[in-house]
């Protein structure tokens, strides 16, 4: 991990704190619907504002030296929401993917979509494939967009792939390292810090395999109100923790 001088938060002496920067941050972008409801707006309005916050936080992570940012955009359970809300979220995702295709090379941001893509619309699958082709040419900061993603679903699919390879003679003894290669996040370091806004205290089927030793940070701030200052607070909290990975 690198050491980064964050402008915020400030110490009591008025100097910027020396921060251990996490290599990989994951965020459950929660609270869009409640944010909209508090303002008498449709839930889709909250998702629109939340999408803009995501863009700002991704840019900020890149600028301060984070290597990976993973965000929970749409879960396998979110299909249970009203059709209007699901359609609005998909329209926002389609818009974001179009923007990513235009800007990835210019801004040197790699985008990877993680999840069960086969169940999405042909248009979104086409856009996902296009972003993957562009990402292969790039290096540096990577955003992982979890779309139609569920942690248990990921583990089941990884187990099925391993079992098929084992039957076909392409896999040997099953170890943690071997299994990890069959997940959506193969080759990507596990998250150091998982952030959940909105006052909920659970990970909601997010990165179950990868979060074994992640540090957790919860805040009452709803995602549309989340900003760079809030991220600084989370990183500062992470920086003060002693990660022993089961050791003394």
Protein backbone atom coordinates (compact mmCIF):
# COMPACT_ATOMS: atom_id res chain seq x y z
CA UNK A 1 0.00 0.00 0.00
CA UNK A 2 1.16 3.48 -0.75
CA UNK A 3 1.13 6.46 1.59
CA UNK A 4 -0.94 9.40 0.38
CA UNK A 5 -1.27 12.85 1.91
CA UNK A 6 -5.00 13.46 1.90
CA UNK A 7 -6.08 17.07 1.98
CA UNK A 8 -8.92 15.95 4.25
CA UNK A 9 -9.60 15.08 6.99
CA UNK A 10 -7.29 17.38 8.96
CA UNK A 11 -5.60 16.50 12.20
CA UNK A 12 -6.14 18.58 15.34
CA UNK A 13 -2.88 20.34 14.57
CA UNK A 14 -4.33 21.49 11.27
CA UNK A 15 -2.07 19.31 9.14
CA UNK A 16 -3.10 16.70 6.60
CA UNK A 17 -2.99 13.17 7.98
CA UNK A 18 -0.62 10.58 6.56
CA UNK A 19 -2.90 7.91 5.12
CA UNK A 20 -2.36 4.27 4.20
CA UNK A 21 -4.22 4.13 0.92
CA UNK A 22 -6.23 0.98 0.19
CA UNK A 23 -5.37 -0.61 -3.10
CA UNK A 24 -8.95 -1.70 -3.80
CA UNK A 25 -12.13 0.00 -2.56
CA UNK A 26 -15.60 -1.51 -2.99
CA UNK A 27 -18.83 0.43 -2.47
CA UNK A 28 -22.45 -0.62 -2.08
CA UNK A 29 -24.19 2.38 -3.63
CA UNK A 30 -27.24 2.36 -1.37
CA UNK A 31 -29.87 4.94 -0.45
CA UNK A 32 -30.93 6.36 -3.82
CA UNK A 33 -34.61 5.53 -3.33
CA UNK A 34 -34.78 6.89 0.21
CA UNK A 35 -32.98 10.07 -0.87
CA UNK A 36 -35.63 10.65 -3.56
CA UNK A 37 -38.53 9.82 -1.24
CA UNK A 38 -37.36 12.37 1.32
CA UNK A 39 -37.63 15.00 -1.41
CA UNK A 40 -40.95 13.87 -2.84
CA UNK A 41 -39.26 12.65 -6.03
CA UNK A 42 -39.61 9.36 -7.93
CA UNK A 43 -37.01 6.71 -7.06
CA UNK A 44 -35.54 7.04 -10.54
CA UNK A 45 -34.49 10.60 -9.67
CA UNK A 46 -32.39 9.23 -6.83
CA UNK A 47 -30.71 6.78 -9.17
CA UNK A 48 -29.89 9.60 -11.61
CA UNK A 49 -28.21 11.65 -8.88
CA UNK A 50 -26.49 8.51 -7.59
CA UNK A 51 -25.02 7.89 -11.04
CA UNK A 52 -23.46 11.36 -11.03
CA UNK A 53 -21.99 10.72 -7.58
CA UNK A 54 -20.49 7.49 -8.89
CA UNK A 55 -18.74 9.38 -11.69
CA UNK A 56 -17.28 11.91 -9.22
CA UNK A 57 -16.11 9.27 -6.76
CA UNK A 58 -14.52 7.19 -9.53
CA UNK A 59 -12.60 10.23 -10.77
CA UNK A 60 -11.51 11.08 -7.24
CA UNK A 61 -10.30 7.52 -6.60
CA UNK A 62 -8.24 7.63 -9.77
CA UNK A 63 -6.74 11.00 -8.87
CA UNK A 64 -5.63 10.00 -5.36
CA UNK A 65 -4.05 6.73 -6.48
CA UNK A 66 -6.60 3.98 -5.83
CA UNK A 67 -5.94 1.08 -8.21
CA UNK A 68 -9.36 -0.61 -8.20
CA UNK A 69 -12.88 0.63 -7.49
CA UNK A 70 -15.73 -1.88 -7.42
CA UNK A 71 -19.34 -0.69 -7.17
CA UNK A 72 -22.58 -2.59 -6.68
CA UNK A 73 -24.82 -1.20 -9.43
CA UNK A 74 -27.57 -3.82 -9.80
CA UNK A 75 -27.98 -7.09 -7.91
CA UNK A 76 -29.58 -10.37 -8.91
CA UNK A 77 -32.30 -9.51 -6.37
CA UNK A 78 -33.03 -6.03 -7.79
CA UNK A 79 -35.23 -7.53 -10.53
CA UNK A 80 -37.95 -7.71 -7.83
CA UNK A 81 -38.28 -3.93 -7.85
CA UNK A 82 -41.09 -2.16 -9.79
CA UNK A 83 -40.73 -2.40 -13.57
CA UNK A 84 -40.50 1.39 -13.91
CA UNK A 85 -37.56 1.54 -11.51
CA UNK A 86 -35.73 -1.37 -13.16
CA UNK A 87 -36.22 0.20 -16.59
CA UNK A 88 -34.87 3.51 -15.29
CA UNK A 89 -31.77 1.85 -13.84
CA UNK A 90 -31.11 -0.03 -17.08
CA UNK A 91 -31.45 3.19 -19.07
CA UNK A 92 -28.87 4.85 -16.78
CA UNK A 93 -26.52 1.89 -17.15
CA UNK A 94 -26.85 2.02 -20.93
CA UNK A 95 -26.08 5.75 -20.87
CA UNK A 96 -23.04 5.20 -18.65
CA UNK A 97 -21.67 2.44 -20.87
CA UNK A 98 -21.99 4.70 -23.92
CA UNK A 99 -20.05 7.41 -22.07
CA UNK A 100 -17.43 4.92 -20.94
CA UNK A 101 -16.83 3.76 -24.50
CA UNK A 102 -16.21 7.37 -25.52
CA UNK A 103 -13.95 8.28 -22.57
CA UNK A 104 -12.08 5.16 -21.44
CA UNK A 105 -9.03 5.64 -23.65
CA UNK A 106 -8.92 9.41 -23.19
CA UNK A 107 -9.10 9.18 -19.37
CA UNK A 108 -7.12 5.91 -19.05
CA UNK A 109 -9.87 4.21 -17.06
CA UNK A 110 -10.45 0.49 -17.53
CA UNK A 111 -14.04 -0.70 -17.07
CA UNK A 112 -14.93 -4.28 -16.27
CA UNK A 113 -18.51 -5.46 -15.86
CA UNK A 114 -18.96 -8.29 -13.34
CA UNK A 115 -22.08 -10.41 -13.13
CA UNK A 116 -24.49 -12.59 -15.08
CA UNK A 117 -24.44 -10.56 -18.29
CA UNK A 118 -26.35 -13.17 -20.31
CA UNK A 119 -29.64 -12.15 -18.65
CA UNK A 120 -29.34 -8.50 -19.71
CA UNK A 121 -30.74 -6.92 -22.86
CA UNK A 122 -28.90 -7.49 -26.17
CA UNK A 123 -28.07 -3.76 -26.33
CA UNK A 124 -26.41 -3.72 -22.90
CA UNK A 125 -24.54 -6.98 -23.65
CA UNK A 126 -23.23 -5.39 -26.85
CA UNK A 127 -22.03 -2.33 -24.93
CA UNK A 128 -20.40 -4.51 -22.26
CA UNK A 129 -18.50 -6.43 -24.94
CA UNK A 130 -17.33 -3.16 -26.47
CA UNK A 131 -16.02 -1.85 -23.13
CA UNK A 132 -14.19 -5.15 -22.59
CA UNK A 133 -12.45 -4.82 -25.95
CA UNK A 134 -11.30 -1.29 -25.10
CA UNK A 135 -10.19 -2.25 -21.57
CA UNK A 136 -7.87 -4.93 -22.94
CA UNK A 137 -5.75 -2.17 -24.52
CA UNK A 138 -5.45 -0.10 -21.33
CA UNK A 139 -3.48 -0.20 -18.10
CA UNK A 140 -3.92 1.53 -14.77
CA UNK A 141 -7.01 2.44 -12.74
CA UNK A 142 -9.87 -0.03 -13.09
CA UNK A 143 -13.57 0.33 -12.28
CA UNK A 144 -15.49 -2.91 -11.73
CA UNK A 145 -19.21 -2.44 -12.30
CA UNK A 146 -21.22 -5.22 -10.63
CA UNK A 147 -24.27 -5.63 -12.84
CA UNK A 148 -26.85 -8.38 -12.31
CA UNK A 149 -24.40 -9.58 -9.69
CA UNK A 150 -24.88 -11.68 -6.56
CA UNK A 151 -22.15 -13.09 -4.34
CA UNK A 152 -23.81 -16.48 -3.94
CA UNK A 153 -24.56 -16.66 -7.65
CA UNK A 154 -20.88 -15.94 -8.36
CA UNK A 155 -19.76 -18.78 -6.07
CA UNK A 156 -22.21 -21.25 -7.63
CA UNK A 157 -21.09 -20.37 -11.16
CA UNK A 158 -17.43 -20.63 -10.16
CA UNK A 159 -18.06 -24.08 -8.65
CA UNK A 160 -19.86 -25.22 -11.79
CA UNK A 161 -16.99 -24.07 -14.02
CA UNK A 162 -14.42 -25.78 -11.81
CA UNK A 163 -16.44 -29.02 -11.75
CA UNK A 164 -16.67 -29.01 -15.55
CA UNK A 165 -12.93 -28.42 -15.92
CA UNK A 166 -12.22 -31.17 -13.37
CA UNK A 167 -14.40 -33.64 -15.27
CA UNK A 168 -12.65 -32.69 -18.51
CA UNK A 169 -9.20 -33.09 -16.97
CA UNK A 170 -8.34 -29.38 -17.12
CA UNK A 171 -8.29 -28.86 -13.33
CA UNK A 172 -6.63 -30.64 -10.42
CA UNK A 173 -6.95 -30.31 -6.64
CA UNK A 174 -9.29 -27.55 -5.48
CA UNK A 175 -7.60 -24.85 -3.39
CA UNK A 176 -8.58 -21.29 -2.50
CA UNK A 177 -6.18 -19.98 -5.13
CA UNK A 178 -7.59 -22.33 -7.77
CA UNK A 179 -11.21 -21.49 -6.93
CA UNK A 180 -10.56 -17.74 -7.06
CA UNK A 181 -9.55 -18.12 -10.71
CA UNK A 182 -13.10 -19.19 -11.55
CA UNK A 183 -14.80 -16.15 -10.01
CA UNK A 184 -15.73 -12.96 -11.87
CA UNK A 185 -12.81 -11.23 -10.14
CA UNK A 186 -10.07 -13.61 -11.23
CA UNK A 187 -6.70 -11.82 -11.20
CA UNK A 188 -8.02 -8.83 -9.24
CA UNK A 189 -6.86 -8.31 -5.64
CA UNK A 190 -9.53 -8.66 -2.97
CA UNK A 191 -11.02 -5.39 -1.71
CA UNK A 192 -9.19 -3.82 1.22
CA UNK A 193 -12.13 -1.61 2.17
CA UNK A 194 -15.87 -2.07 1.63
CA UNK A 195 -18.03 1.01 2.16
CA UNK A 196 -21.80 0.97 2.66
CA UNK A 197 -23.66 4.29 2.86
CA UNK A 198 -27.31 4.74 3.91
CA UNK A 199 -27.22 3.44 7.49
CA UNK A 200 -27.60 -0.26 6.66
CA UNK A 201 -25.17 -2.65 8.38
CA UNK A 202 -24.84 -5.64 6.07
CA UNK A 203 -23.08 -6.55 2.83
CA UNK A 204 -26.24 -7.79 1.04
CA UNK A 205 -24.76 -10.63 -1.02
CA UNK A 206 -21.87 -8.45 -2.24
CA UNK A 207 -18.39 -9.92 -2.80
CA UNK A 208 -18.96 -12.82 -0.40
CA UNK A 209 -15.84 -14.69 -1.50
CA UNK A 210 -13.63 -11.62 -1.86
CA UNK A 211 -14.61 -9.87 1.38
CA UNK A 212 -13.16 -12.47 3.78
CA UNK A 213 -10.59 -10.03 5.20
CA UNK A 214 -11.92 -6.70 3.94
CA UNK A 215 -12.31 -3.83 6.37
CA UNK A 216 -15.92 -2.61 6.59
CA UNK A 217 -17.02 1.00 6.87
CA UNK A 218 -20.63 2.10 7.39
CA UNK A 219 -22.09 5.59 7.25
CA UNK A 220 -25.61 7.01 7.58
CA UNK A 221 -25.02 9.24 4.55
CA UNK A 222 -27.27 8.28 1.64
CA UNK A 223 -25.40 7.56 -1.58
CA UNK A 224 -26.62 10.67 -3.48
CA UNK A 225 -25.15 12.78 -0.63
CA UNK A 226 -21.88 10.88 -0.57
CA UNK A 227 -18.87 12.94 -1.69
CA UNK A 228 -15.09 13.13 -1.64
CA UNK A 229 -15.10 14.26 1.98
CA UNK A 230 -17.08 11.16 2.97
CA UNK A 231 -14.64 8.95 1.10
CA UNK A 232 -11.74 10.66 2.90
CA UNK A 233 -13.37 9.76 6.21
CA UNK A 234 -13.67 6.12 5.19
CA UNK A 235 -10.05 5.95 4.04
CA UNK A 236 -8.86 7.68 7.20
CA UNK A 237 -10.75 5.12 9.32
CA UNK A 238 -9.25 2.28 7.29
CA UNK A 239 -5.78 3.74 7.70
CA UNK A 240 -5.97 3.49 11.49
CA UNK A 241 -6.86 -0.21 11.53
CA UNK A 242 -4.40 -3.03 12.15
CA UNK A 243 -5.00 -5.76 9.57
CA UNK A 244 -3.64 -9.05 10.99
CA UNK A 245 -5.36 -11.56 8.66
CA UNK A 246 -5.88 -13.97 11.54
CA UNK A 247 -2.41 -13.51 13.01
CA UNK A 248 -1.50 -12.24 16.46
